[in-house]
C-alpha atoms as a PDB file:
ATOM      1  CA  MET A   1     -44.082  19.745 -51.389  1.00  0.00           C
ATOM      2  CA  ALA A   2     -44.373  22.855 -53.555  1.00  0.00           C
ATOM      3  CA  ARG A   3     -46.464  22.951 -56.730  1.00  0.00           C
ATOM      4  CA  ILE A   4     -44.265  24.545 -59.391  1.00  0.00           C
ATOM      5  CA  GLY A   5     -45.072  25.599 -62.943  1.00  0.00           C
ATOM      6  CA  LEU A   6     -42.139  25.664 -65.369  1.00  0.00           C
ATOM      7  CA  LEU A   7     -42.122  28.140 -68.268  1.00  0.00           C
ATOM      8  CA  GLY A   8     -39.086  27.931 -70.522  1.00  0.00           C
ATOM      9  CA  GLY A   9     -38.003  29.999 -73.481  1.00  0.00           C
ATOM     10  CA  SER A  10     -35.722  32.649 -74.895  1.00  0.00           C
ATOM     11  CA  PHE A  11     -37.629  35.517 -73.259  1.00  0.00           C
ATOM     12  CA  ASN A  12     -36.396  37.819 -76.006  1.00  0.00           C
ATOM     13  CA  PRO A  13     -37.768  39.872 -74.325  1.00  0.00           C
ATOM     14  CA  ALA A  14     -39.940  38.799 -71.411  1.00  0.00           C
ATOM     15  CA  HIS A  15     -43.225  40.698 -71.667  1.00  0.00           C
ATOM     16  CA  ARG A  16     -46.597  41.165 -70.013  1.00  0.00           C
ATOM     17  CA  GLY A  17     -48.002  38.158 -71.900  1.00  0.00           C
ATOM     18  CA  HIS A  18     -45.471  35.884 -70.158  1.00  0.00           C
ATOM     19  CA  ARG A  19     -46.394  37.398 -66.821  1.00  0.00           C
ATOM     20  CA  ARG A  20     -50.129  37.188 -67.448  1.00  0.00           C
ATOM     21  CA  ILE A  21     -50.168  33.527 -68.501  1.00  0.00           C
ATOM     22  CA  SER A  22     -47.961  32.689 -65.520  1.00  0.00           C
ATOM     23  CA  LEU A  23     -50.334  34.360 -63.078  1.00  0.00           C
ATOM     24  CA  GLU A  24     -53.343  32.755 -64.769  1.00  0.00           C
ATOM     25  CA  ALA A  25     -51.651  29.343 -64.521  1.00  0.00           C
ATOM     26  CA  MET A  26     -51.002  29.947 -60.820  1.00  0.00           C
ATOM     27  CA  ARG A  27     -54.702  30.524 -60.238  1.00  0.00           C
ATOM     28  CA  ALA A  28     -56.001  27.736 -62.472  1.00  0.00           C
ATOM     29  CA  LEU A  29     -53.518  25.084 -61.273  1.00  0.00           C
ATOM     30  CA  ASP A  30     -53.164  26.310 -57.674  1.00  0.00           C
ATOM     31  CA  LEU A  31     -49.405  26.751 -58.049  1.00  0.00           C
ATOM     32  CA  ASP A  32     -47.063  27.993 -55.362  1.00  0.00           C
ATOM     33  CA  GLU A  33     -44.689  29.513 -57.906  1.00  0.00           C
ATOM     34  CA  VAL A  34     -43.886  29.673 -61.603  1.00  0.00           C
ATOM     35  CA  TRP A  35     -40.230  29.386 -62.561  1.00  0.00           C
ATOM     36  CA  TRP A  36     -39.079  31.103 -65.751  1.00  0.00           C
ATOM     37  CA  LEU A  37     -36.196  29.107 -67.231  1.00  0.00           C
ATOM     38  CA  VAL A  38     -34.353  31.531 -69.485  1.00  0.00           C
ATOM     39  CA  SER A  39     -32.625  29.591 -72.247  1.00  0.00           C
ATOM     40  CA  PRO A  40     -29.060  30.656 -73.099  1.00  0.00           C
ATOM     41  CA  ARG A  41     -29.563  29.224 -76.592  1.00  0.00           C
ATOM     42  CA  ASN A  42     -32.786  27.891 -78.059  1.00  0.00           C
ATOM     43  CA  PRO A  43     -32.027  24.916 -80.375  1.00  0.00           C
ATOM     44  CA  LEU A  44     -35.019  25.835 -82.566  1.00  0.00           C
ATOM     45  CA  LYS A  45     -33.728  29.395 -83.019  1.00  0.00           C
ATOM     46  CA  GLU A  46     -30.137  28.693 -84.015  1.00  0.00           C
ATOM     47  CA  GLY A  47     -28.681  31.543 -86.056  1.00  0.00           C
ATOM     48  CA  ALA A  48     -31.321  34.092 -85.022  1.00  0.00           C
ATOM     49  CA  LYS A  49     -29.955  37.556 -85.771  1.00  0.00           C
ATOM     50  CA  ASP A  50     -32.105  39.384 -83.229  1.00  0.00           C
ATOM     51  CA  MET A  51     -31.315  37.367 -80.087  1.00  0.00           C
ATOM     52  CA  ALA A  52     -30.309  39.672 -77.235  1.00  0.00           C
ATOM     53  CA  PRO A  53     -27.424  38.654 -74.948  1.00  0.00           C
ATOM     54  CA  PHE A  54     -28.367  36.103 -72.316  1.00  0.00           C
ATOM     55  CA  ALA A  55     -27.551  38.420 -69.389  1.00  0.00           C
ATOM     56  CA  VAL A  56     -29.865  41.086 -70.798  1.00  0.00           C
ATOM     57  CA  ARG A  57     -32.722  38.633 -71.345  1.00  0.00           C
ATOM     58  CA  LEU A  58     -32.292  37.316 -67.804  1.00  0.00           C
ATOM     59  CA  ALA A  59     -32.307  40.823 -66.314  1.00  0.00           C
ATOM     60  CA  ALA A  60     -35.341  41.842 -68.388  1.00  0.00           C
ATOM     61  CA  ALA A  61     -37.188  38.738 -67.185  1.00  0.00           C
ATOM     62  CA  GLU A  62     -36.373  39.556 -63.552  1.00  0.00           C
ATOM     63  CA  ARG A  63     -37.710  43.074 -64.086  1.00  0.00           C
ATOM     64  CA  MET A  64     -40.934  41.750 -65.636  1.00  0.00           C
ATOM     65  CA  ALA A  65     -41.400  39.174 -62.853  1.00  0.00           C
ATOM     66  CA  ALA A  66     -40.940  41.677 -60.010  1.00  0.00           C
ATOM     67  CA  ARG A  67     -43.436  41.679 -57.138  1.00  0.00           C
ATOM     68  CA  SER A  68     -44.920  38.304 -57.993  1.00  0.00           C
ATOM     69  CA  ARG A  69     -44.496  34.608 -57.236  1.00  0.00           C
ATOM     70  CA  ILE A  70     -42.618  34.229 -60.528  1.00  0.00           C
ATOM     71  CA  ARG A  71     -38.965  33.225 -60.091  1.00  0.00           C
ATOM     72  CA  VAL A  72     -36.403  33.745 -62.841  1.00  0.00           C
ATOM     73  CA  SER A  73     -33.608  31.207 -63.219  1.00  0.00           C
ATOM     74  CA  ASP A  74     -30.380  30.737 -65.152  1.00  0.00           C
ATOM     75  CA  PHE A  75     -30.604  26.995 -64.424  1.00  0.00           C
ATOM     76  CA  GLU A  76     -30.120  25.926 -68.051  1.00  0.00           C
ATOM     77  CA  GLN A  77     -26.936  27.950 -68.427  1.00  0.00           C
ATOM     78  CA  ARG A  78     -25.370  26.805 -65.179  1.00  0.00           C
ATOM     79  CA  PHE A  79     -26.221  23.140 -65.641  1.00  0.00           C
ATOM     80  CA  ALA A  80     -25.645  23.132 -69.414  1.00  0.00           C
ATOM     81  CA  THR A  81     -29.003  21.555 -70.239  1.00  0.00           C
ATOM     82  CA  ARG A  82     -29.637  22.522 -73.823  1.00  0.00           C
ATOM     83  CA  TYR A  83     -32.870  20.560 -74.274  1.00  0.00           C
ATOM     84  CA  THR A  84     -36.029  20.878 -72.196  1.00  0.00           C
ATOM     85  CA  VAL A  85     -36.285  17.162 -71.467  1.00  0.00           C
ATOM     86  CA  ASP A  86     -32.809  17.248 -69.873  1.00  0.00           C
ATOM     87  CA  THR A  87     -33.658  20.391 -67.899  1.00  0.00           C
ATOM     88  CA  VAL A  88     -36.796  18.808 -66.464  1.00  0.00           C
ATOM     89  CA  ARG A  89     -35.021  15.579 -65.547  1.00  0.00           C
ATOM     90  CA  LYS A  90     -32.259  17.473 -63.756  1.00  0.00           C
ATOM     91  CA  LEU A  91     -34.766  19.682 -61.924  1.00  0.00           C
ATOM     92  CA  LYS A  92     -36.667  16.611 -60.750  1.00  0.00           C
ATOM     93  CA  PHE A  93     -33.416  15.022 -59.572  1.00  0.00           C
ATOM     94  CA  ARG A  94     -32.281  18.138 -57.694  1.00  0.00           C
ATOM     95  CA  HIS A  95     -35.703  18.957 -56.261  1.00  0.00           C
ATOM     96  CA  PRO A  96     -37.488  15.657 -55.519  1.00  0.00           C
ATOM     97  CA  GLU A  97     -39.516  17.453 -52.843  1.00  0.00           C
ATOM     98  CA  HIS A  98     -41.420  19.500 -55.469  1.00  0.00           C
ATOM     99  CA  ARG A  99     -44.061  18.650 -58.076  1.00  0.00           C
ATOM    100  CA  PHE A 100     -43.585  20.215 -61.509  1.00  0.00           C
ATOM    101  CA  ILE A 101     -45.904  20.945 -64.428  1.00  0.00           C
ATOM    102  CA  TRP A 102     -44.621  22.224 -67.772  1.00  0.00           C
ATOM    103  CA  LEU A 103     -46.361  25.350 -69.110  1.00  0.00           C
ATOM    104  CA  PHE A 104     -46.383  26.605 -72.642  1.00  0.00           C
ATOM    105  CA  GLY A 105     -48.550  28.698 -74.912  1.00  0.00           C
ATOM    106  CA  SER A 106     -50.657  27.147 -77.638  1.00  0.00           C
ATOM    107  CA  ASP A 107     -48.370  28.950 -80.129  1.00  0.00           C
ATOM    108  CA  SER A 108     -45.589  26.502 -79.139  1.00  0.00           C
ATOM    109  CA  LEU A 109     -47.681  23.365 -79.588  1.00  0.00           C
ATOM    110  CA  PRO A 110     -47.414  23.202 -83.432  1.00  0.00           C
ATOM    111  CA  ASN A 111     -43.627  22.722 -83.094  1.00  0.00           C
ATOM    112  CA  PHE A 112     -43.709  20.439 -80.058  1.00  0.00           C
ATOM    113  CA  HIS A 113     -43.015  17.349 -82.165  1.00  0.00           C
ATOM    114  CA  LEU A 114     -39.670  18.953 -83.155  1.00  0.00           C
ATOM    115  CA  TRP A 115     -38.460  19.137 -79.556  1.00  0.00           C
ATOM    116  CA  ARG A 116     -35.788  16.645 -78.541  1.00  0.00           C
ATOM    117  CA  ASP A 117     -37.489  13.524 -77.109  1.00  0.00           C
ATOM    118  CA  TRP A 118     -40.819  15.318 -76.727  1.00  0.00           C
ATOM    119  CA  ARG A 119     -42.609  12.117 -75.785  1.00  0.00           C
ATOM    120  CA  GLY A 120     -39.991  11.562 -73.084  1.00  0.00           C
ATOM    121  CA  LEU A 121     -40.680  15.061 -71.771  1.00  0.00           C
ATOM    122  CA  ALA A 122     -44.418  14.336 -71.684  1.00  0.00           C
ATOM    123  CA  ARG A 123     -43.692  11.203 -69.637  1.00  0.00           C
ATOM    124  CA  GLU A 124     -41.713  13.220 -67.078  1.00  0.00           C
ATOM    125  CA  VAL A 125     -44.249  15.890 -66.062  1.00  0.00           C
ATOM    126  CA  PRO A 126     -47.838  16.935 -66.776  1.00  0.00           C
ATOM    127  CA  ILE A 127     -48.237  19.656 -69.403  1.00  0.00           C
ATOM    128  CA  ALA A 128     -50.549  22.676 -69.354  1.00  0.00           C
ATOM    129  CA  VAL A 129     -51.183  24.388 -72.694  1.00  0.00           C
ATOM    130  CA  ILE A 130     -52.312  27.990 -72.299  1.00  0.00           C
ATOM    131  CA  ARG A 131     -54.363  29.712 -74.966  1.00  0.00           C
ATOM    132  CA  ARG A 132     -52.585  32.268 -77.151  1.00  0.00           C
ATOM    133  CA  PRO A 133     -54.410  34.478 -79.685  1.00  0.00           C
ATOM    134  CA  SER A 134     -54.876  32.986 -83.196  1.00  0.00           C
ATOM    135  CA  TYR A 135     -53.385  29.612 -82.174  1.00  0.00           C
ATOM    136  CA  ASP A 136     -56.118  28.237 -79.943  1.00  0.00           C
ATOM    137  CA  SER A 137     -58.362  26.928 -82.710  1.00  0.00           C
ATOM    138  CA  GLN A 138     -55.612  24.783 -84.263  1.00  0.00           C
ATOM    139  CA  ALA A 139     -54.050  23.532 -81.015  1.00  0.00           C
ATOM    140  CA  HIS A 140     -55.979  20.248 -81.043  1.00  0.00           C
ATOM    141  CA  ALA A 141     -55.098  19.529 -84.674  1.00  0.00           C
ATOM    142  CA  VAL A 142     -51.291  19.771 -84.512  1.00  0.00           C
ATOM    143  CA  ARG A 143     -49.084  16.742 -85.143  1.00  0.00           C
ATOM    144  CA  ALA A 144     -48.127  16.064 -81.511  1.00  0.00           C
ATOM    145  CA  MET A 145     -51.786  15.834 -80.510  1.00  0.00           C
ATOM    146  CA  SER A 146     -52.229  12.607 -82.465  1.00  0.00           C
ATOM    147  CA  TRP A 147     -50.299  10.995 -79.580  1.00  0.00           C
ATOM    148  CA  LEU A 148     -51.136  13.384 -76.725  1.00  0.00           C
ATOM    149  CA  ARG A 149     -54.902  13.408 -77.288  1.00  0.00           C
ATOM    150  CA  ARG A 150     -55.464  10.238 -75.263  1.00  0.00           C
ATOM    151  CA  PHE A 151     -53.903  11.914 -72.205  1.00  0.00           C
ATOM    152  CA  VAL A 152     -56.031  15.091 -72.133  1.00  0.00           C
ATOM    153  CA  HIS A 153     -57.730  15.933 -68.822  1.00  0.00           C
ATOM    154  CA  PRO A 154     -60.838  18.133 -68.453  1.00  0.00           C
ATOM    155  CA  SER A 155     -60.129  21.763 -67.554  1.00  0.00           C
ATOM    156  CA  GLY A 156     -62.362  21.385 -64.494  1.00  0.00           C
ATOM    157  CA  GLN A 157     -59.759  19.054 -62.968  1.00  0.00           C
ATOM    158  CA  ALA A 158     -56.916  21.590 -63.242  1.00  0.00           C
ATOM    159  CA  LYS A 159     -56.207  21.849 -59.519  1.00  0.00           C
ATOM    160  CA  GLN A 160     -55.899  18.042 -59.261  1.00  0.00           C
ATOM    161  CA  TRP A 161     -52.869  17.798 -61.572  1.00  0.00           C
ATOM    162  CA  THR A 162     -50.548  16.535 -58.824  1.00  0.00           C
ATOM    163  CA  GLU A 163     -52.680  13.365 -58.687  1.00  0.00           C
ATOM    164  CA  TRP A 164     -52.098  12.565 -62.363  1.00  0.00           C
ATOM    165  CA  SER A 165     -49.540  10.194 -63.813  1.00  0.00           C
ATOM    166  CA  ALA A 166     -47.641  11.578 -66.802  1.00  0.00           C
ATOM    167  CA  PRO A 167     -48.280  11.726 -69.687  1.00  0.00           C
ATOM    168  CA  ALA A 168     -51.080  14.146 -68.853  1.00  0.00           C
ATOM    169  CA  ILE A 169     -52.116  17.330 -70.626  1.00  0.00           C
ATOM    170  CA  ILE A 170     -54.658  20.038 -69.901  1.00  0.00           C
ATOM    171  CA  PHE A 171     -55.769  23.077 -71.892  1.00  0.00           C
ATOM    172  CA  LEU A 172     -56.273  26.375 -70.055  1.00  0.00           C
ATOM    173  CA  ARG A 173     -58.262  29.221 -71.595  1.00  0.00           C
ATOM    174  CA  PRO A 174     -57.446  32.481 -69.785  1.00  0.00           C
ATOM    175  CA  PRO A 175     -58.411  35.829 -71.377  1.00  0.00           C
ATOM    176  CA  PRO A 176     -56.162  36.192 -74.457  1.00  0.00           C
ATOM    177  CA  ASP A 177     -53.259  38.644 -74.473  1.00  0.00           C
ATOM    178  CA  PRO A 178     -51.960  39.667 -77.922  1.00  0.00           C
ATOM    179  CA  THR A 179     -48.502  40.729 -76.691  1.00  0.00           C
ATOM    180  CA  SER A 180     -45.663  38.891 -78.436  1.00  0.00           C
ATOM    181  CA  ALA A 181     -41.899  39.089 -78.320  1.00  0.00           C
ATOM    182  CA  THR A 182     -41.782  39.010 -82.136  1.00  0.00           C
ATOM    183  CA  ALA A 183     -43.951  42.140 -82.349  1.00  0.00           C
ATOM    184  CA  ILE A 184     -41.894  43.896 -79.665  1.00  0.00           C
ATOM    185  CA  ARG A 185     -38.659  43.224 -81.586  1.00  0.00           C
ATOM    186  CA  ALA A 186     -40.268  44.356 -84.851  1.00  0.00           C
ATOM    187  CA  GLN A 187     -41.249  47.675 -83.291  1.00  0.00           C
ATOM    188  CA  ASP A 188     -38.005  48.125 -81.366  1.00  0.00           C
ATOM    189  CA  PRO A 189     -35.144  45.959 -82.731  1.00  0.00           C
ATOM    190  CA  HIS A 190     -32.721  47.523 -80.234  1.00  0.00           C
ATOM    191  CA  TRP A 191     -34.909  47.137 -77.155  1.00  0.00           C
ATOM    192  CA  HIS A 192     -32.078  45.524 -75.196  1.00  0.00           C
ATOM    193  CA  ARG A 193     -29.680  48.426 -75.814  1.00  0.00           C
ATOM    194  CA  ARG A 194     -32.289  50.950 -74.775  1.00  0.00           C
ATOM    195  CA  SER A 195     -33.317  49.023 -71.665  1.00  0.00           C
ATOM    196  CA  PHE A 196     -29.788  47.970 -70.684  1.00  0.00           C
ATOM    197  CA  PRO A 197     -27.114  50.328 -72.050  1.00  0.00           C
ATOM    198  CA  ARG A 198     -24.549  48.144 -70.268  1.00  0.00           C
ATOM    199  CA  ILE A 199     -24.821  44.377 -70.278  1.00  0.00           C
ATOM    200  CA  PRO A 200     -25.640  43.327 -66.694  1.00  0.00           C
ATOM    201  CA  ARG A 201     -23.487  40.820 -64.925  1.00  0.00           C
ATOM    202  CA  VAL A 202     -25.045  37.411 -64.282  1.00  0.00           C
ATOM    203  CA  GLN A 203     -24.622  36.625 -60.601  1.00  0.00           C
ATOM    204  CA  ARG A 204     -23.428  33.106 -59.872  1.00  0.00           C
ATOM    205  CA  HIS A 205     -24.981  31.195 -56.993  1.00  0.00           C
ATOM    206  CA  GLY A 206     -24.542  27.707 -55.626  1.00  0.00           C
ATOM    207  CA  LEU A 207     -28.295  27.211 -55.853  1.00  0.00           C
ATOM    208  CA  PRO A 208     -30.775  28.253 -58.545  1.00  0.00           C
ATOM    209  CA  LEU A 209     -31.859  31.880 -58.258  1.00  0.00           C
ATOM    210  CA  PHE A 210     -35.339  30.913 -57.111  1.00  0.00           C
ATOM    211  CA  ALA A 211     -34.007  28.850 -54.206  1.00  0.00           C
ATOM    212  CA  ARG A 212     -32.835  32.007 -52.434  1.00  0.00           C
ATOM    213  CA  ARG A 213     -36.409  33.184 -51.822  1.00  0.00           C
ATOM    214  CA  PRO A 214     -38.959  31.513 -49.513  1.00  0.00           C
ATOM    215  CA  LEU A 215     -42.353  30.508 -50.854  1.00  0.00           C
ATOM    216  CA  ASP A 216     -44.939  33.210 -50.240  1.00  0.00           C
ATOM    217  CA  ARG A 217     -48.478  32.345 -51.229  1.00  0.00           C
ATOM    218  CA  THR A 218     -49.764  35.769 -50.123  1.00  0.00           C
ATOM    219  CA  SER A 219     -48.202  37.607 -53.104  1.00  0.00           C
ATOM    220  CA  ASN A 220     -49.491  37.579 -56.698  1.00  0.00           C
END
């Protein structure tokens, strides 16, 4: 059994904040790996004018995740799972040997009640909410917490998450990192053209990208 953290999103672009919260989650939750699930199309960002091509976002995420136990995956594109709850259910079906925990920043929690079948997602896997600057103070007051509050576990039990029955939620408070994809795009709207003058080709594999690499708990 491997202990896997799942971090989904547009990664437009992936940045050091994504990497830092992933590494902090590995330490706090005693994870073997964190899998970045790059979304081909975020339902909550339909019509966004500044969304870089999927292949570029995937390649940028792989570059940011280099030399770590972070694995980047095009799972959602290849299995056509548009909503997170469907992605998680398919991952659990395809990888019954692993234990999964969903990771997201406290900046995502205010909109969690807008996610498709968010209660169903919470019943599938434990959830770890990771502090993000300026959002931490309001995280416990958002709409979804009126239901999730009864399932909160103390932060001191973080490494015991595989023993929990979902729904289960824990709040992690690593040192804050102010980096944001929104700020990066505001400063450099054409970051993807500068970083990738030619759109990279997405390699197709019979298995998810992460499945091609063995677990290595000696790397960061």
